[in-house]
Amino acid sequence: MAKRKEAQAEPAAGIRDRVKELRRVRARDLLPNPSNWRTHPQSQRAALQGILSEVGYADALLARELPDGSLMLIDGHMRAETTPEQEVPVLVLDVTEAEANKLLLSVDPIAALAETSATALSELLHSVQTGSEGLAAMYEQLATDVGLVPDEAPKVLGLEVRPPPRMAWALIGLPVVRYGEIAAQLEQIGKLEGVTLLTVANDAQYENG
């Protein structure tokens, strides 16, 4: 377990900026961190390949510079492995090995502490389309985790995506014409598979069609 240390006052100058530069480096030239504790299942790799294919690189990997000038990764191992021959954006940090280990242990877990607004997630899911099965599976899992149905994904991909049996589903903020259509479809699936259908209209313009 990580050792606790008494809280210290912030430096007089405030929070330090530890980014030295943004550098573009061929991914396979980046050294993997021997202390990296993350493993990457195929589902995660498929989702990453989907977003790289449809959008591209939109954030930077993190690395620290070693005395010999080489760069050792702190964050971004899977991205480097996925595109080894590509020049990728890397934020080179001015941190010690101990500080790098602290970041390695903190970057992903801090992001994972965020909570979810079901309403905002539902609206975002309805605004996004993808041709990647990996991304669609991830979006569906996000929706399932909070009890929503990303109903657009099956039609965008032409996939046979069916809700699991005996689960309550919510339809939130769908246009009237689609609300009635999808509600009828889910109701039929519910009769066949024992699904409890929960319909929710969150605005006066939405009504049970």
Protein backbone atom coordinates (compact mmCIF):
# COMPACT_ATOMS: atom_id res chain seq x y z
CA MET A 1 0.00 0.00 0.00
CA ALA A 2 1.22 3.50 -0.79
CA LYS A 3 2.69 5.27 2.20
CA ARG A 4 0.88 8.32 3.48
CA LYS A 5 2.68 11.58 3.91
CA GLU A 6 1.53 14.60 5.88
CA ALA A 7 -0.03 17.28 3.70
CA GLN A 8 2.32 20.08 2.78
CA ALA A 9 1.53 23.66 1.90
CA GLU A 10 1.52 24.57 -1.80
CA PRO A 11 4.71 26.24 -3.04
CA ALA A 12 4.61 30.02 -2.86
CA ALA A 13 4.53 30.28 -6.64
CA GLY A 14 1.44 28.04 -6.83
CA ILE A 15 0.96 24.81 -8.76
CA ARG A 16 3.96 23.92 -10.90
CA ASP A 17 3.78 23.36 -14.64
CA ARG A 18 5.82 20.21 -15.23
CA VAL A 19 5.36 20.05 -19.01
CA LYS A 20 8.65 20.86 -20.73
CA GLU A 21 7.52 20.50 -24.31
CA LEU A 22 5.24 18.79 -26.79
CA ARG A 23 7.31 16.47 -28.96
CA ARG A 24 6.30 14.16 -31.81
CA VAL A 25 8.03 10.81 -31.54
CA ARG A 26 7.75 7.51 -33.39
CA ALA A 27 5.72 5.39 -31.00
CA ARG A 28 8.01 2.36 -31.04
CA ASP A 29 10.92 4.54 -29.89
CA LEU A 30 9.16 5.24 -26.59
CA LEU A 31 10.31 3.03 -23.71
CA PRO A 32 7.58 1.16 -21.83
CA ASN A 33 7.55 1.84 -18.12
CA PRO A 34 8.64 -1.29 -16.19
CA SER A 35 6.26 -0.28 -13.37
CA ASN A 36 3.21 -0.03 -15.63
CA TRP A 37 0.42 -1.88 -13.83
CA ARG A 38 -2.32 -1.58 -16.44
CA THR A 39 -3.34 -4.44 -18.72
CA HIS A 40 -5.55 -3.96 -21.79
CA PRO A 41 -8.31 -6.43 -22.73
CA GLN A 42 -9.34 -6.89 -26.35
CA SER A 43 -12.54 -4.88 -25.83
CA GLN A 44 -10.50 -1.84 -24.80
CA ARG A 45 -8.10 -2.27 -27.69
CA ALA A 46 -11.03 -2.49 -30.14
CA ALA A 47 -12.54 0.72 -28.74
CA LEU A 48 -9.19 2.52 -29.01
CA GLN A 49 -8.72 1.37 -32.59
CA GLY A 50 -12.22 2.64 -33.36
CA ILE A 51 -11.66 6.14 -32.00
CA LEU A 52 -8.22 6.41 -33.63
CA SER A 53 -9.71 5.34 -36.95
CA GLU A 54 -12.71 7.66 -36.81
CA VAL A 55 -11.14 10.70 -35.11
CA GLY A 56 -7.38 10.19 -34.81
CA TYR A 57 -4.94 11.29 -32.12
CA ALA A 58 -6.59 14.01 -30.05
CA ASP A 59 -4.56 13.81 -26.85
CA ALA A 60 -0.91 13.35 -25.96
CA LEU A 61 1.01 10.54 -24.34
CA LEU A 62 3.00 11.36 -21.20
CA ALA A 63 6.70 10.58 -20.80
CA ARG A 64 9.78 11.66 -18.89
CA GLU A 65 13.22 12.15 -20.38
CA LEU A 66 15.97 9.86 -19.12
CA PRO A 67 19.63 10.98 -18.76
CA ASP A 68 20.51 9.38 -22.13
CA GLY A 69 17.82 11.43 -23.89
CA SER A 70 15.36 8.56 -24.40
CA LEU A 71 11.73 8.91 -23.36
CA MET A 72 10.02 6.54 -20.92
CA LEU A 73 6.24 6.37 -20.95
CA ILE A 74 4.12 7.36 -17.99
CA ASP A 75 0.74 7.23 -19.73
CA GLY A 76 -0.16 5.94 -23.20
CA HIS A 77 1.28 2.43 -23.39
CA MET A 78 -1.67 0.97 -25.32
CA ARG A 79 -1.68 3.83 -27.82
CA ALA A 80 2.03 3.38 -28.45
CA GLU A 81 1.53 -0.38 -28.93
CA THR A 82 -1.43 0.20 -31.29
CA THR A 83 0.41 2.58 -33.67
CA PRO A 84 4.11 1.65 -33.33
CA GLU A 85 5.21 3.18 -36.64
CA GLN A 86 3.34 6.47 -36.29
CA GLU A 87 4.73 9.71 -34.91
CA VAL A 88 2.60 10.45 -31.88
CA PRO A 89 2.24 13.59 -29.73
CA VAL A 90 4.11 13.25 -26.44
CA LEU A 91 4.14 15.67 -23.52
CA VAL A 92 7.65 15.50 -22.10
CA LEU A 93 7.48 16.07 -18.34
CA ASP A 94 10.15 17.45 -16.05
CA VAL A 95 9.56 14.89 -13.28
CA THR A 96 11.71 12.57 -11.23
CA GLU A 97 11.28 8.78 -11.26
CA ALA A 98 9.42 9.01 -7.94
CA GLU A 99 7.07 11.65 -9.32
CA ALA A 100 6.57 9.62 -12.49
CA ASN A 101 5.57 6.62 -10.38
CA LYS A 102 3.07 8.78 -8.51
CA LEU A 103 1.54 9.90 -11.81
CA LEU A 104 1.54 6.31 -13.10
CA LEU A 105 -0.46 5.32 -10.03
CA SER A 106 -2.84 8.30 -10.18
CA VAL A 107 -3.73 9.47 -13.70
CA ASP A 108 -6.24 6.74 -14.64
CA PRO A 109 -7.70 6.18 -11.14
CA ILE A 110 -8.40 9.90 -10.67
CA ALA A 111 -10.28 9.97 -13.98
CA ALA A 112 -12.21 6.86 -12.91
CA LEU A 113 -13.48 8.65 -9.77
CA ALA A 114 -15.77 10.84 -11.90
CA GLU A 115 -19.50 10.20 -11.48
CA THR A 116 -22.09 9.99 -14.26
CA SER A 117 -25.05 12.22 -15.14
CA ALA A 118 -27.50 9.77 -16.73
CA THR A 119 -29.36 12.59 -18.50
CA ALA A 120 -26.21 14.11 -20.02
CA LEU A 121 -24.94 10.67 -21.02
CA SER A 122 -28.24 9.82 -22.71
CA GLU A 123 -28.19 13.05 -24.72
CA LEU A 124 -24.56 12.48 -25.73
CA LEU A 125 -25.22 8.88 -26.79
CA HIS A 126 -28.08 10.06 -29.00
CA SER A 127 -25.80 12.64 -30.67
CA VAL A 128 -22.97 10.25 -31.57
CA GLN A 129 -22.77 7.79 -34.46
CA THR A 130 -20.01 5.27 -35.04
CA GLY A 131 -19.08 2.62 -37.57
CA SER A 132 -16.81 0.84 -35.08
CA GLU A 133 -18.11 -2.26 -33.36
CA GLY A 134 -15.55 -1.73 -30.59
CA LEU A 135 -16.81 1.78 -29.86
CA ALA A 136 -20.45 0.70 -30.14
CA ALA A 137 -19.85 -2.04 -27.57
CA MET A 138 -18.20 0.43 -25.22
CA TYR A 139 -21.03 2.95 -25.62
CA GLU A 140 -23.59 0.23 -24.99
CA GLN A 141 -21.75 -0.79 -21.83
CA LEU A 142 -21.67 2.83 -20.64
CA ALA A 143 -25.42 3.06 -21.17
CA THR A 144 -26.11 -0.30 -19.52
CA ASP A 145 -24.08 0.68 -16.46
CA VAL A 146 -26.52 3.53 -15.73
CA GLY A 147 -29.70 1.80 -17.00
CA LEU A 148 -29.98 3.55 -20.37
CA VAL A 149 -30.37 2.17 -23.88
CA PRO A 150 -28.12 3.57 -26.66
CA ASP A 151 -30.92 2.78 -29.11
CA GLU A 152 -29.24 4.42 -32.12
CA ALA A 153 -26.17 2.15 -32.16
CA PRO A 154 -27.81 -0.97 -33.65
CA LYS A 155 -29.23 0.99 -36.61
CA VAL A 156 -25.98 2.86 -37.27
CA LEU A 157 -23.98 -0.36 -37.33
CA GLY A 158 -26.60 -2.72 -38.69
CA LEU A 159 -25.91 -5.03 -35.75
CA GLU A 160 -28.27 -7.35 -33.96
CA VAL A 161 -28.07 -5.78 -30.51
CA ARG A 162 -30.68 -7.08 -28.09
CA PRO A 163 -31.19 -6.03 -24.47
CA PRO A 164 -30.31 -8.62 -21.82
CA PRO A 165 -33.32 -10.43 -20.30
CA ARG A 166 -35.00 -9.29 -17.09
CA MET A 167 -33.60 -5.75 -17.14
CA ALA A 168 -35.49 -2.48 -16.79
CA TRP A 169 -34.89 -0.03 -19.63
CA ALA A 170 -35.49 3.71 -19.83
CA LEU A 171 -36.42 5.76 -22.91
CA ILE A 172 -35.48 9.36 -22.20
CA GLY A 173 -36.10 12.38 -24.38
CA LEU A 174 -36.86 10.63 -27.68
CA PRO A 175 -38.82 12.44 -30.41
CA VAL A 176 -42.47 11.45 -30.49
CA VAL A 177 -42.25 9.52 -33.77
CA ARG A 178 -39.31 7.45 -32.60
CA TYR A 179 -40.57 7.10 -29.02
CA GLY A 180 -43.63 5.15 -30.04
CA GLU A 181 -41.70 3.02 -32.53
CA ILE A 182 -38.96 2.02 -30.09
CA ALA A 183 -41.33 1.56 -27.16
CA ALA A 184 -43.40 -0.87 -29.24
CA GLN A 185 -40.29 -2.80 -30.24
CA LEU A 186 -39.01 -3.05 -26.69
CA GLU A 187 -42.43 -4.00 -25.41
CA GLN A 188 -42.50 -6.92 -27.86
CA ILE A 189 -38.99 -7.98 -26.81
CA GLY A 190 -40.13 -7.73 -23.20
CA LYS A 191 -43.00 -10.13 -23.82
CA LEU A 192 -40.62 -12.61 -25.42
CA GLU A 193 -37.75 -12.36 -22.94
CA GLY A 194 -39.28 -11.19 -19.67
CA VAL A 195 -37.92 -7.67 -19.84
CA THR A 196 -39.54 -5.00 -17.69
CA LEU A 197 -40.11 -1.93 -19.84
CA LEU A 198 -39.79 1.44 -18.14
CA THR A 199 -40.78 4.43 -20.31
CA VAL A 200 -39.89 7.91 -19.18
CA ALA A 201 -41.01 11.17 -20.81
CA ASN A 202 -39.02 14.11 -19.43
CA ASP A 203 -40.58 16.94 -21.40
CA ALA A 204 -44.07 18.04 -22.39
CA GLN A 205 -43.28 17.53 -26.09
CA TYR A 206 -42.57 13.84 -25.50
CA GLU A 207 -45.53 11.59 -25.08
CA ASN A 208 -46.14 7.87 -25.19
CA GLY A 209 -46.68 7.42 -28.94
